[in-house]
Amino acid sequence: MNEDLSQKKCVPCEGGTLPLKLEEVASYTKLLKTLWNVEGNKKISRQFKFKDFKEAMVFVSKVAEVANNEDHHPDIHIYYNKVEIELSTHAIGGLSGNDFIVARKIEKSLET
């Protein structure tokens, strides 16, 4: 798998769709540019650190825009200058390609 996830679009997942297999999770993880914590095929997460609360909130705003554009929404935890993003496809009880697409687009939002 050698794809640019930032160029892909999330697709709706229905109940009955199976979560990614561990091998697929490993392949998708290699397409991300930064290190995300992987919990089996259940969720991925990453903590981002900023200078202050204001910068953290600017980042959260960028994440919200990505999430709304993709119609795939992460759990967001804010701790003053730290933001933790957790991605999982709740409808299927695990990870889908959508989680990695959003993760990559979040990474890309920091590159600009």
PDB file of N, CA and C in Angstrom:
ATOM      1  N   MET A   1       0.849  -1.169   0.000  1.00  0.00           N
ATOM      2  CA  MET A   1       0.000   0.000   0.000  1.00  0.00           C
ATOM      3  C   MET A   1       0.895   1.233   0.000  1.00  0.00           C
ATOM      4  N   ASN A   2       0.774   2.044  -1.021  1.00  0.00           N
ATOM      5  CA  ASN A   2       1.573   3.258  -1.124  1.00  0.00           C
ATOM      6  C   ASN A   2       0.667   4.386  -1.594  1.00  0.00           C
ATOM      7  N   GLU A   3      -0.211   4.833  -0.701  1.00  0.00           N
ATOM      8  CA  GLU A   3      -1.201   5.830  -1.044  1.00  0.00           C
ATOM      9  C   GLU A   3      -0.956   7.110  -0.270  1.00  0.00           C
ATOM     10  N   ASP A   4      -1.447   8.208  -0.826  1.00  0.00           N
ATOM     11  CA  ASP A   4      -1.450   9.465  -0.100  1.00  0.00           C
ATOM     12  C   ASP A   4      -2.831   9.617   0.521  1.00  0.00           C
ATOM     13  N   LEU A   5      -2.934   9.287   1.792  1.00  0.00           N
ATOM     14  CA  LEU A   5      -4.225   9.315   2.474  1.00  0.00           C
ATOM     15  C   LEU A   5      -4.836  10.711   2.486  1.00  0.00           C
ATOM     16  N   SER A   6      -4.004  11.739   2.407  1.00  0.00           N
ATOM     17  CA  SER A   6      -4.541  13.096   2.453  1.00  0.00           C
ATOM     18  C   SER A   6      -5.332  13.434   1.190  1.00  0.00           C
ATOM     19  N   GLN A   7      -5.209  12.617   0.160  1.00  0.00           N
ATOM     20  CA  GLN A   7      -5.949  12.831  -1.082  1.00  0.00           C
ATOM     21  C   GLN A   7      -7.213  11.980  -1.162  1.00  0.00           C
ATOM     22  N   LYS A   8      -7.446  11.141  -0.150  1.00  0.00           N
ATOM     23  CA  LYS A   8      -8.617  10.262  -0.144  1.00  0.00           C
ATOM     24  C   LYS A   8      -9.764  10.915   0.601  1.00  0.00           C
ATOM     25  N   LYS A   9     -10.956  10.388   0.416  1.00  0.00           N
ATOM     26  CA  LYS A   9     -12.168  10.885   1.065  1.00  0.00           C
ATOM     27  C   LYS A   9     -12.782   9.757   1.883  1.00  0.00           C
ATOM     28  N   CYS A  10     -13.260  10.082   3.063  1.00  0.00           N
ATOM     29  CA  CYS A  10     -13.924   9.080   3.906  1.00  0.00           C
ATOM     30  C   CYS A  10     -15.208   8.597   3.236  1.00  0.00           C
ATOM     31  N   VAL A  11     -15.504   7.337   3.448  1.00  0.00           N
ATOM     32  CA  VAL A  11     -16.746   6.749   2.941  1.00  0.00           C
ATOM     33  C   VAL A  11     -17.556   6.236   4.136  1.00  0.00           C
ATOM     34  N   PRO A  12     -18.877   6.344   4.057  1.00  0.00           N
ATOM     35  CA  PRO A  12     -19.698   5.892   5.184  1.00  0.00           C
ATOM     36  C   PRO A  12     -19.488   4.410   5.483  1.00  0.00           C
ATOM     37  N   CYS A  13     -19.431   4.079   6.768  1.00  0.00           N
ATOM     38  CA  CYS A  13     -19.337   2.691   7.215  1.00  0.00           C
ATOM     39  C   CYS A  13     -20.675   2.309   7.824  1.00  0.00           C
ATOM     40  N   GLU A  14     -21.154   1.171   7.475  1.00  0.00           N
ATOM     41  CA  GLU A  14     -22.414   0.675   8.002  1.00  0.00           C
ATOM     42  C   GLU A  14     -22.141  -0.401   9.032  1.00  0.00           C
ATOM     43  N   GLY A  15     -23.098  -0.609   9.926  1.00  0.00           N
ATOM     44  CA  GLY A  15     -23.007  -1.758  10.822  1.00  0.00           C
ATOM     45  C   GLY A  15     -22.917  -3.010   9.967  1.00  0.00           C
ATOM     46  N   GLY A  16     -22.168  -3.979  10.392  1.00  0.00           N
ATOM     47  CA  GLY A  16     -21.940  -5.175   9.578  1.00  0.00           C
ATOM     48  C   GLY A  16     -20.611  -5.124   8.852  1.00  0.00           C
ATOM     49  N   THR A  17     -20.066  -3.909   8.652  1.00  0.00           N
ATOM     50  CA  THR A  17     -18.728  -3.765   8.099  1.00  0.00           C
ATOM     51  C   THR A  17     -17.751  -4.178   9.195  1.00  0.00           C
ATOM     52  N   LEU A  18     -16.769  -4.958   8.847  1.00  0.00           N
ATOM     53  CA  LEU A  18     -15.799  -5.424   9.830  1.00  0.00           C
ATOM     54  C   LEU A  18     -14.674  -4.414  10.025  1.00  0.00           C
ATOM     55  N   PRO A  19     -14.165  -4.295  11.266  1.00  0.00           N
ATOM     56  CA  PRO A  19     -12.987  -3.456  11.485  1.00  0.00           C
ATOM     57  C   PRO A  19     -11.796  -3.998  10.694  1.00  0.00           C
ATOM     58  N   LEU A  20     -10.819  -3.143  10.469  1.00  0.00           N
ATOM     59  CA  LEU A  20      -9.596  -3.567   9.786  1.00  0.00           C
ATOM     60  C   LEU A  20      -8.933  -4.711  10.555  1.00  0.00           C
ATOM     61  N   LYS A  21      -8.291  -5.585   9.820  1.00  0.00           N
ATOM     62  CA  LYS A  21      -7.480  -6.634  10.448  1.00  0.00           C
ATOM     63  C   LYS A  21      -6.158  -6.009  10.895  1.00  0.00           C
ATOM     64  N   LEU A  22      -5.478  -6.666  11.821  1.00  0.00           N
ATOM     65  CA  LEU A  22      -4.231  -6.118  12.361  1.00  0.00           C
ATOM     66  C   LEU A  22      -3.202  -5.843  11.273  1.00  0.00           C
ATOM     67  N   GLU A  23      -3.131  -6.707  10.249  1.00  0.00           N
ATOM     68  CA  GLU A  23      -2.170  -6.482   9.152  1.00  0.00           C
ATOM     69  C   GLU A  23      -2.533  -5.216   8.381  1.00  0.00           C
ATOM     70  N   GLU A  24      -3.834  -4.982   8.195  1.00  0.00           N
ATOM     71  CA  GLU A  24      -4.276  -3.778   7.485  1.00  0.00           C
ATOM     72  C   GLU A  24      -3.970  -2.531   8.318  1.00  0.00           C
ATOM     73  N   VAL A  25      -4.170  -2.623   9.635  1.00  0.00           N
ATOM     74  CA  VAL A  25      -3.844  -1.510  10.526  1.00  0.00           C
ATOM     75  C   VAL A  25      -2.358  -1.178  10.401  1.00  0.00           C
ATOM     76  N   ALA A  26      -1.510  -2.195  10.384  1.00  0.00           N
ATOM     77  CA  ALA A  26      -0.063  -1.979  10.258  1.00  0.00           C
ATOM     78  C   ALA A  26       0.266  -1.285   8.935  1.00  0.00           C
ATOM     79  N   SER A  27      -0.395  -1.674   7.857  1.00  0.00           N
ATOM     80  CA  SER A  27      -0.148  -1.049   6.550  1.00  0.00           C
ATOM     81  C   SER A  27      -0.572   0.409   6.543  1.00  0.00           C
ATOM     82  N   TYR A  28      -1.741   0.679   7.086  1.00  0.00           N
ATOM     83  CA  TYR A  28      -2.217   2.065   7.146  1.00  0.00           C
ATOM     84  C   TYR A  28      -1.322   2.920   8.042  1.00  0.00           C
ATOM     85  N   THR A  29      -0.875   2.360   9.153  1.00  0.00           N
ATOM     86  CA  THR A  29      -0.033   3.107  10.088  1.00  0.00           C
ATOM     87  C   THR A  29       1.235   3.599   9.398  1.00  0.00           C
ATOM     88  N   LYS A  30       1.771   2.804   8.494  1.00  0.00           N
ATOM     89  CA  LYS A  30       2.985   3.193   7.761  1.00  0.00           C
ATOM     90  C   LYS A  30       2.753   4.391   6.842  1.00  0.00           C
ATOM     91  N   LEU A  31       1.488   4.674   6.508  1.00  0.00           N
ATOM     92  CA  LEU A  31       1.172   5.797   5.627  1.00  0.00           C
ATOM     93  C   LEU A  31       1.064   7.114   6.380  1.00  0.00           C
ATOM     94  N   LEU A  32       1.061   7.053   7.699  1.00  0.00           N
ATOM     95  CA  LEU A  32       1.029   8.271   8.498  1.00  0.00           C
ATOM     96  C   LEU A  32       2.441   8.825   8.623  1.00  0.00           C
ATOM     97  N   LYS A  33       2.558  10.130   8.776  1.00  0.00           N
ATOM     98  CA  LYS A  33       3.868  10.776   8.820  1.00  0.00           C
ATOM     99  C   LYS A  33       4.426  10.902  10.228  1.00  0.00           C
ATOM    100  N   THR A  34       3.557  10.767  11.237  1.00  0.00           N
ATOM    101  CA  THR A  34       3.978  10.888  12.627  1.00  0.00           C
ATOM    102  C   THR A  34       3.546   9.636  13.387  1.00  0.00           C
ATOM    103  N   LEU A  35       4.067   9.502  14.591  1.00  0.00           N
ATOM    104  CA  LEU A  35       3.788   8.314  15.392  1.00  0.00           C
ATOM    105  C   LEU A  35       2.456   8.447  16.124  1.00  0.00           C
ATOM    106  N   TRP A  36       1.555   7.536  15.840  1.00  0.00           N
ATOM    107  CA  TRP A  36       0.271   7.447  16.516  1.00  0.00           C
ATOM    108  C   TRP A  36       0.287   6.190  17.380  1.00  0.00           C
ATOM    109  N   ASN A  37      -0.353   6.248  18.526  1.00  0.00           N
ATOM    110  CA  ASN A  37      -0.506   5.066  19.369  1.00  0.00           C
ATOM    111  C   ASN A  37      -1.616   4.206  18.769  1.00  0.00           C
ATOM    112  N   VAL A  38      -1.320   2.930  18.610  1.00  0.00           N
ATOM    113  CA  VAL A  38      -2.279   2.013  18.013  1.00  0.00           C
ATOM    114  C   VAL A  38      -2.715   1.013  19.078  1.00  0.00           C
ATOM    115  N   GLU A  39      -4.013   0.910  19.272  1.00  0.00           N
ATOM    116  CA  GLU A  39      -4.556  -0.066  20.209  1.00  0.00           C
ATOM    117  C   GLU A  39      -5.244  -1.163  19.408  1.00  0.00           C
ATOM    118  N   GLY A  40      -4.435  -2.150  18.984  1.00  0.00           N
ATOM    119  CA  GLY A  40      -4.959  -3.273  18.202  1.00  0.00           C
ATOM    120  C   GLY A  40      -5.656  -2.778  16.965  1.00  0.00           C
ATOM    121  N   ASN A  41      -6.880  -3.248  16.768  1.00  0.00           N
ATOM    122  CA  ASN A  41      -7.664  -2.736  15.645  1.00  0.00           C
ATOM    123  C   ASN A  41      -8.869  -1.950  16.187  1.00  0.00           C
ATOM    124  N   LYS A  42      -8.686  -1.362  17.390  1.00  0.00           N
ATOM    125  CA  LYS A  42      -9.774  -0.633  18.059  1.00  0.00           C
ATOM    126  C   LYS A  42      -9.696   0.875  17.889  1.00  0.00           C
ATOM    127  N   LYS A  43      -8.502   1.469  18.091  1.00  0.00           N
ATOM    128  CA  LYS A  43      -8.396   2.919  17.940  1.00  0.00           C
ATOM    129  C   LYS A  43      -6.938   3.336  17.778  1.00  0.00           C
ATOM    130  N   ILE A  44      -6.770   4.545  17.228  1.00  0.00           N
ATOM    131  CA  ILE A  44      -5.466   5.187  17.171  1.00  0.00           C
ATOM    132  C   ILE A  44      -5.590   6.523  17.900  1.00  0.00           C
ATOM    133  N   SER A  45      -4.490   6.950  18.509  1.00  0.00           N
ATOM    134  CA  SER A  45      -4.515   8.217  19.227  1.00  0.00           C
ATOM    135  C   SER A  45      -3.142   8.875  19.162  1.00  0.00           C
ATOM    136  N   ARG A  46      -3.159  10.174  19.378  1.00  0.00           N
ATOM    137  CA  ARG A  46      -1.900  10.921  19.405  1.00  0.00           C
ATOM    138  C   ARG A  46      -2.109  12.183  20.218  1.00  0.00           C
ATOM    139  N   GLN A  47      -1.088  12.551  20.981  1.00  0.00           N
ATOM    140  CA  GLN A  47      -1.131  13.808  21.726  1.00  0.00           C
ATOM    141  C   GLN A  47      -0.274  14.840  20.996  1.00  0.00           C
ATOM    142  N   PHE A  48      -0.832  16.023  20.851  1.00  0.00           N
ATOM    143  CA  PHE A  48      -0.156  17.145  20.215  1.00  0.00           C
ATOM    144  C   PHE A  48       0.085  18.201  21.285  1.00  0.00           C
ATOM    145  N   LYS A  49       1.276  18.811  21.279  1.00  0.00           N
ATOM    146  CA  LYS A  49       1.613  19.817  22.294  1.00  0.00           C
ATOM    147  C   LYS A  49       1.860  21.158  21.612  1.00  0.00           C
ATOM    148  N   PHE A  50       1.353  22.221  22.248  1.00  0.00           N
ATOM    149  CA  PHE A  50       1.448  23.560  21.688  1.00  0.00           C
ATOM    150  C   PHE A  50       2.032  24.529  22.710  1.00  0.00           C
ATOM    151  N   LYS A  51       2.331  25.741  22.252  1.00  0.00           N
ATOM    152  CA  LYS A  51       2.934  26.754  23.120  1.00  0.00           C
ATOM    153  C   LYS A  51       1.990  27.140  24.252  1.00  0.00           C
ATOM    154  N   ASP A  52       0.707  27.268  23.925  1.00  0.00           N
ATOM    155  CA  ASP A  52      -0.256  27.707  24.938  1.00  0.00           C
ATOM    156  C   ASP A  52      -1.663  27.250  24.555  1.00  0.00           C
ATOM    157  N   PHE A  53      -2.623  27.627  25.379  1.00  0.00           N
ATOM    158  CA  PHE A  53      -4.016  27.234  25.167  1.00  0.00           C
ATOM    159  C   PHE A  53      -4.555  27.764  23.842  1.00  0.00           C
ATOM    160  N   LYS A  54      -4.215  29.001  23.521  1.00  0.00           N
ATOM    161  CA  LYS A  54      -4.721  29.606  22.281  1.00  0.00           C
ATOM    162  C   LYS A  54      -4.278  28.806  21.054  1.00  0.00           C
ATOM    163  N   GLU A  55      -3.007  28.434  21.000  1.00  0.00           N
ATOM    164  CA  GLU A  55      -2.519  27.620  19.872  1.00  0.00           C
ATOM    165  C   GLU A  55      -3.210  26.260  19.836  1.00  0.00           C
ATOM    166  N   ALA A  56      -3.438  25.686  21.000  1.00  0.00           N
ATOM    167  CA  ALA A  56      -4.140  24.401  21.063  1.00  0.00           C
ATOM    168  C   ALA A  56      -5.544  24.532  20.481  1.00  0.00           C
ATOM    169  N   MET A  57      -6.210  25.629  20.799  1.00  0.00           N
ATOM    170  CA  MET A  57      -7.578  25.818  20.304  1.00  0.00           C
ATOM    171  C   MET A  57      -7.615  26.101  18.802  1.00  0.00           C
ATOM    172  N   VAL A  58      -6.598  26.769  18.283  1.00  0.00           N
ATOM    173  CA  VAL A  58      -6.506  26.957  16.825  1.00  0.00           C
ATOM    174  C   VAL A  58      -6.400  25.590  16.158  1.00  0.00           C
ATOM    175  N   PHE A  59      -5.578  24.713  16.731  1.00  0.00           N
ATOM    176  CA  PHE A  59      -5.441  23.355  16.205  1.00  0.00           C
ATOM    177  C   PHE A  59      -6.779  22.611  16.279  1.00  0.00           C
ATOM    178  N   VAL A  60      -7.473  22.704  17.400  1.00  0.00           N
ATOM    179  CA  VAL A  60      -8.767  22.025  17.547  1.00  0.00           C
ATOM    180  C   VAL A  60      -9.744  22.515  16.478  1.00  0.00           C
ATOM    181  N   SER A  61      -9.691  23.785  16.170  1.00  0.00           N
ATOM    182  CA  SER A  61     -10.548  24.335  15.115  1.00  0.00           C
ATOM    183  C   SER A  61     -10.224  23.705  13.758  1.00  0.00           C
ATOM    184  N   LYS A  62      -8.924  23.513  13.476  1.00  0.00           N
ATOM    185  CA  LYS A  62      -8.516  22.858  12.230  1.00  0.00           C
ATOM    186  C   LYS A  62      -8.996  21.406  12.197  1.00  0.00           C
ATOM    187  N   VAL A  63      -8.887  20.720  13.343  1.00  0.00           N
ATOM    188  CA  VAL A  63      -9.354  19.330  13.429  1.00  0.00           C
ATOM    189  C   VAL A  63     -10.861  19.276  13.179  1.00  0.00           C
ATOM    190  N   ALA A  64     -11.600  20.221  13.750  1.00  0.00           N
ATOM    191  CA  ALA A  64     -13.054  20.255  13.555  1.00  0.00           C
ATOM    192  C   ALA A  64     -13.403  20.430  12.076  1.00  0.00           C
ATOM    193  N   GLU A  65     -12.645  21.271  11.386  1.00  0.00           N
ATOM    194  CA  GLU A  65     -12.895  21.479   9.955  1.00  0.00           C
ATOM    195  C   GLU A  65     -12.636  20.200   9.162  1.00  0.00           C
ATOM    196  N   VAL A  66     -11.518  19.535   9.446  1.00  0.00           N
ATOM    197  CA  VAL A  66     -11.212  18.255   8.784  1.00  0.00           C
ATOM    198  C   VAL A  66     -12.336  17.257   9.061  1.00  0.00           C
ATOM    199  N   ALA A  67     -12.723  17.126  10.321  1.00  0.00           N
ATOM    200  CA  ALA A  67     -13.740  16.148  10.715  1.00  0.00           C
ATOM    201  C   ALA A  67     -15.070  16.426  10.022  1.00  0.00           C
ATOM    202  N   ASN A  68     -15.475  17.673   9.988  1.00  0.00           N
ATOM    203  CA  ASN A  68     -16.744  17.996   9.336  1.00  0.00           C
ATOM    204  C   ASN A  68     -16.692  17.765   7.836  1.00  0.00           C
ATOM    205  N   ASN A  69     -15.559  18.106   7.211  1.00  0.00           N
ATOM    206  CA  ASN A  69     -15.419  17.865   5.766  1.00  0.00           C
ATOM    207  C   ASN A  69     -15.478  16.386   5.428  1.00  0.00           C
ATOM    208  N   GLU A  70     -14.966  15.548   6.334  1.00  0.00           N
ATOM    209  CA  GLU A  70     -14.932  14.107   6.089  1.00  0.00           C
ATOM    210  C   GLU A  70     -16.142  13.379   6.687  1.00  0.00           C
ATOM    211  N   ASP A  71     -16.923  14.086   7.488  1.00  0.00           N
ATOM    212  CA  ASP A  71     -18.047  13.491   8.213  1.00  0.00           C
ATOM    213  C   ASP A  71     -17.589  12.268   9.014  1.00  0.00           C
ATOM    214  N   HIS A  72     -16.427  12.436   9.652  1.00  0.00           N
ATOM    215  CA  HIS A  72     -15.836  11.391  10.495  1.00  0.00           C
ATOM    216  C   HIS A  72     -15.162  12.107  11.655  1.00  0.00           C
ATOM    217  N   HIS A  73     -15.687  11.925  12.857  1.00  0.00           N
ATOM    218  CA  HIS A  73     -15.348  12.796  13.977  1.00  0.00           C
ATOM    219  C   HIS A  73     -14.561  12.081  15.067  1.00  0.00           C
ATOM    220  N   PRO A  74     -13.393  12.626  15.410  1.00  0.00           N
ATOM    221  CA  PRO A  74     -12.582  12.037  16.486  1.00  0.00           C
ATOM    222  C   PRO A  74     -13.088  12.461  17.861  1.00  0.00           C
ATOM    223  N   ASP A  75     -12.633  11.763  18.863  1.00  0.00           N
ATOM    224  CA  ASP A  75     -12.786  12.233  20.234  1.00  0.00           C
ATOM    225  C   ASP A  75     -11.608  13.168  20.483  1.00  0.00           C
ATOM    226  N   ILE A  76     -11.873  14.314  21.082  1.00  0.00           N
ATOM    227  CA  ILE A  76     -10.855  15.330  21.312  1.00  0.00           C
ATOM    228  C   ILE A  76     -10.805  15.645  22.802  1.00  0.00           C
ATOM    229  N   HIS A  77      -9.613  15.549  23.377  1.00  0.00           N
ATOM    230  CA  HIS A  77      -9.402  15.868  24.783  1.00  0.00           C
ATOM    231  C   HIS A  77      -8.403  17.030  24.849  1.00  0.00           C
ATOM    232  N   ILE A  78      -8.781  18.082  25.582  1.00  0.00           N
ATOM    233  CA  ILE A  78      -7.955  19.285  25.654  1.00  0.00           C
ATOM    234  C   ILE A  78      -7.453  19.452  27.086  1.00  0.00           C
ATOM    235  N   TYR A  79      -6.129  19.612  27.203  1.00  0.00           N
ATOM    236  CA  TYR A  79      -5.478  19.826  28.488  1.00  0.00           C
ATOM    237  C   TYR A  79      -4.556  21.041  28.362  1.00  0.00           C
ATOM    238  N   TYR A  80      -5.099  22.217  28.523  1.00  0.00           N
ATOM    239  CA  TYR A  80      -4.395  23.489  28.387  1.00  0.00           C
ATOM    240  C   TYR A  80      -3.645  23.586  27.054  1.00  0.00           C
ATOM    241  N   ASN A  81      -2.372  23.171  27.004  1.00  0.00           N
ATOM    242  CA  ASN A  81      -1.611  23.299  25.761  1.00  0.00           C
ATOM    243  C   ASN A  81      -1.409  21.953  25.063  1.00  0.00           C
ATOM    244  N   LYS A  82      -2.127  20.929  25.514  1.00  0.00           N
ATOM    245  CA  LYS A  82      -2.036  19.605  24.900  1.00  0.00           C
ATOM    246  C   LYS A  82      -3.411  19.196  24.395  1.00  0.00           C
ATOM    247  N   VAL A  83      -3.415  18.559  23.241  1.00  0.00           N
ATOM    248  CA  VAL A  83      -4.662  18.066  22.658  1.00  0.00           C
ATOM    249  C   VAL A  83      -4.444  16.600  22.293  1.00  0.00           C
ATOM    250  N   GLU A  84      -5.313  15.747  22.800  1.00  0.00           N
ATOM    251  CA  GLU A  84      -5.249  14.333  22.443  1.00  0.00           C
ATOM    252  C   GLU A  84      -6.394  14.023  21.486  1.00  0.00           C
ATOM    253  N   ILE A  85      -6.047  13.407  20.381  1.00  0.00           N
ATOM    254  CA  ILE A  85      -7.010  13.006  19.361  1.00  0.00           C
ATOM    255  C   ILE A  85      -7.114  11.486  19.387  1.00  0.00           C
ATOM    256  N   GLU A  86      -8.328  10.976  19.464  1.00  0.00           N
ATOM    257  CA  GLU A  86      -8.583   9.529  19.387  1.00  0.00           C
ATOM    258  C   GLU A  86      -9.508   9.276  18.212  1.00  0.00           C
ATOM    259  N   LEU A  87      -9.109   8.340  17.377  1.00  0.00           N
ATOM    260  CA  LEU A  87      -9.913   7.985  16.209  1.00  0.00           C
ATOM    261  C   LEU A  87     -10.309   6.517  16.263  1.00  0.00           C
ATOM    262  N   SER A  88     -11.569   6.277  16.000  1.00  0.00           N
ATOM    263  CA  SER A  88     -12.130   4.937  15.921  1.00  0.00           C
ATOM    264  C   SER A  88     -13.440   5.065  15.164  1.00  0.00           C
ATOM    265  N   THR A  89     -13.819   4.032  14.466  1.00  0.00           N
ATOM    266  CA  THR A  89     -15.099   4.061  13.757  1.00  0.00           C
ATOM    267  C   THR A  89     -16.129   3.385  14.642  1.00  0.00           C
ATOM    268  N   HIS A  90     -16.867   4.204  15.376  1.00  0.00           N
ATOM    269  CA  HIS A  90     -17.794   3.687  16.387  1.00  0.00           C
ATOM    270  C   HIS A  90     -18.845   2.748  15.786  1.00  0.00           C
ATOM    271  N   ALA A  91     -19.297   3.021  14.560  1.00  0.00           N
ATOM    272  CA  ALA A  91     -20.349   2.207  13.937  1.00  0.00           C
ATOM    273  C   ALA A  91     -19.930   0.754  13.745  1.00  0.00           C
ATOM    274  N   ILE A  92     -18.606   0.513  13.657  1.00  0.00           N
ATOM    275  CA  ILE A  92     -18.136  -0.865  13.441  1.00  0.00           C
ATOM    276  C   ILE A  92     -17.343  -1.392  14.632  1.00  0.00           C
ATOM    277  N   GLY A  93     -17.200  -0.575  15.664  1.00  0.00           N
ATOM    278  CA  GLY A  93     -16.499  -1.016  16.871  1.00  0.00           C
ATOM    279  C   GLY A  93     -15.013  -1.237  16.692  1.00  0.00           C
ATOM    280  N   GLY A  94     -14.388  -0.470  15.821  1.00  0.00           N
ATOM    281  CA  GLY A  94     -12.948  -0.615  15.594  1.00  0.00           C
ATOM    282  C   GLY A  94     -12.466   0.370  14.547  1.00  0.00           C
ATOM    283  N   LEU A  95     -11.320   0.061  13.975  1.00  0.00           N
ATOM    284  CA  LEU A  95     -10.697   0.952  12.995  1.00  0.00           C
ATOM    285  C   LEU A  95     -11.163   0.667  11.572  1.00  0.00           C
ATOM    286  N   SER A  96     -11.289   1.740  10.811  1.00  0.00           N
ATOM    287  CA  SER A  96     -11.551   1.647   9.372  1.00  0.00           C
ATOM    288  C   SER A  96     -10.528   2.537   8.670  1.00  0.00           C
ATOM    289  N   GLY A  97     -10.504   2.468   7.364  1.00  0.00           N
ATOM    290  CA  GLY A  97      -9.619   3.346   6.604  1.00  0.00           C
ATOM    291  C   GLY A  97      -9.906   4.810   6.872  1.00  0.00           C
ATOM    292  N   ASN A  98     -11.154   5.145   7.207  1.00  0.00           N
ATOM    293  CA  ASN A  98     -11.527   6.534   7.492  1.00  0.00           C
ATOM    294  C   ASN A  98     -10.702   7.116   8.635  1.00  0.00           C
ATOM    295  N   ASP A  99     -10.410   6.307   9.644  1.00  0.00           N
ATOM    296  CA  ASP A  99      -9.635   6.801  10.786  1.00  0.00           C
ATOM    297  C   ASP A  99      -8.249   7.262  10.355  1.00  0.00           C
ATOM    298  N   PHE A 100      -7.655   6.534   9.446  1.00  0.00           N
ATOM    299  CA  PHE A 100      -6.310   6.868   8.977  1.00  0.00           C
ATOM    300  C   PHE A 100      -6.334   8.047   8.000  1.00  0.00           C
ATOM    301  N   ILE A 101      -7.402   8.157   7.223  1.00  0.00           N
ATOM    302  CA  ILE A 101      -7.552   9.316   6.336  1.00  0.00           C
ATOM    303  C   ILE A 101      -7.634  10.581   7.176  1.00  0.00           C
ATOM    304  N   VAL A 102      -8.468  10.572   8.216  1.00  0.00           N
ATOM    305  CA  VAL A 102      -8.606  11.750   9.074  1.00  0.00           C
ATOM    306  C   VAL A 102      -7.296  12.023   9.817  1.00  0.00           C
ATOM    307  N   ALA A 103      -6.636  10.982  10.312  1.00  0.00           N
ATOM    308  CA  ALA A 103      -5.354  11.168  11.006  1.00  0.00           C
ATOM    309  C   ALA A 103      -4.349  11.865  10.091  1.00  0.00           C
ATOM    310  N   ARG A 104      -4.254  11.408   8.866  1.00  0.00           N
ATOM    311  CA  ARG A 104      -3.293  12.014   7.925  1.00  0.00           C
ATOM    312  C   ARG A 104      -3.665  13.460   7.615  1.00  0.00           C
ATOM    313  N   LYS A 105      -4.954  13.731   7.468  1.00  0.00           N
ATOM    314  CA  LYS A 105      -5.383  15.100   7.186  1.00  0.00           C
ATOM    315  C   LYS A 105      -5.134  16.007   8.386  1.00  0.00           C
ATOM    316  N   ILE A 106      -5.247  15.472   9.600  1.00  0.00           N
ATOM    317  CA  ILE A 106      -4.894  16.240  10.790  1.00  0.00           C
ATOM    318  C   ILE A 106      -3.405  16.557  10.786  1.00  0.00           C
ATOM    319  N   GLU A 107      -2.586  15.557  10.469  1.00  0.00           N
ATOM    320  CA  GLU A 107      -1.137  15.796  10.365  1.00  0.00           C
ATOM    321  C   GLU A 107      -0.864  16.906   9.340  1.00  0.00           C
ATOM    322  N   LYS A 108      -1.521  16.795   8.210  1.00  0.00           N
ATOM    323  CA  LYS A 108      -1.284  17.757   7.122  1.00  0.00           C
ATOM    324  C   LYS A 108      -1.704  19.166   7.532  1.00  0.00           C
ATOM    325  N   SER A 109      -2.720  19.291   8.376  1.00  0.00           N
ATOM    326  CA  SER A 109      -3.161  20.620   8.812  1.00  0.00           C
ATOM    327  C   SER A 109      -2.063  21.315   9.617  1.00  0.00           C
ATOM    328  N   LEU A 110      -1.160  20.554  10.213  1.00  0.00           N
ATOM    329  CA  LEU A 110      -0.045  21.141  10.962  1.00  0.00           C
ATOM    330  C   LEU A 110       1.134  21.520  10.071  1.00  0.00           C
ATOM    331  N   GLU A 111       1.139  20.997   8.845  1.00  0.00           N
ATOM    332  CA  GLU A 111       2.248  21.266   7.933  1.00  0.00           C
ATOM    333  C   GLU A 111       2.133  22.650   7.312  1.00  0.00           C
ATOM    334  N   THR A 112       0.944  23.242   7.370  1.00  0.00           N
ATOM    335  CA  THR A 112       0.740  24.553   6.726  1.00  0.00           C
ATOM    336  C   THR A 112       0.747  25.673   7.730  1.00  0.00           C
TER     337      THR A 112
END
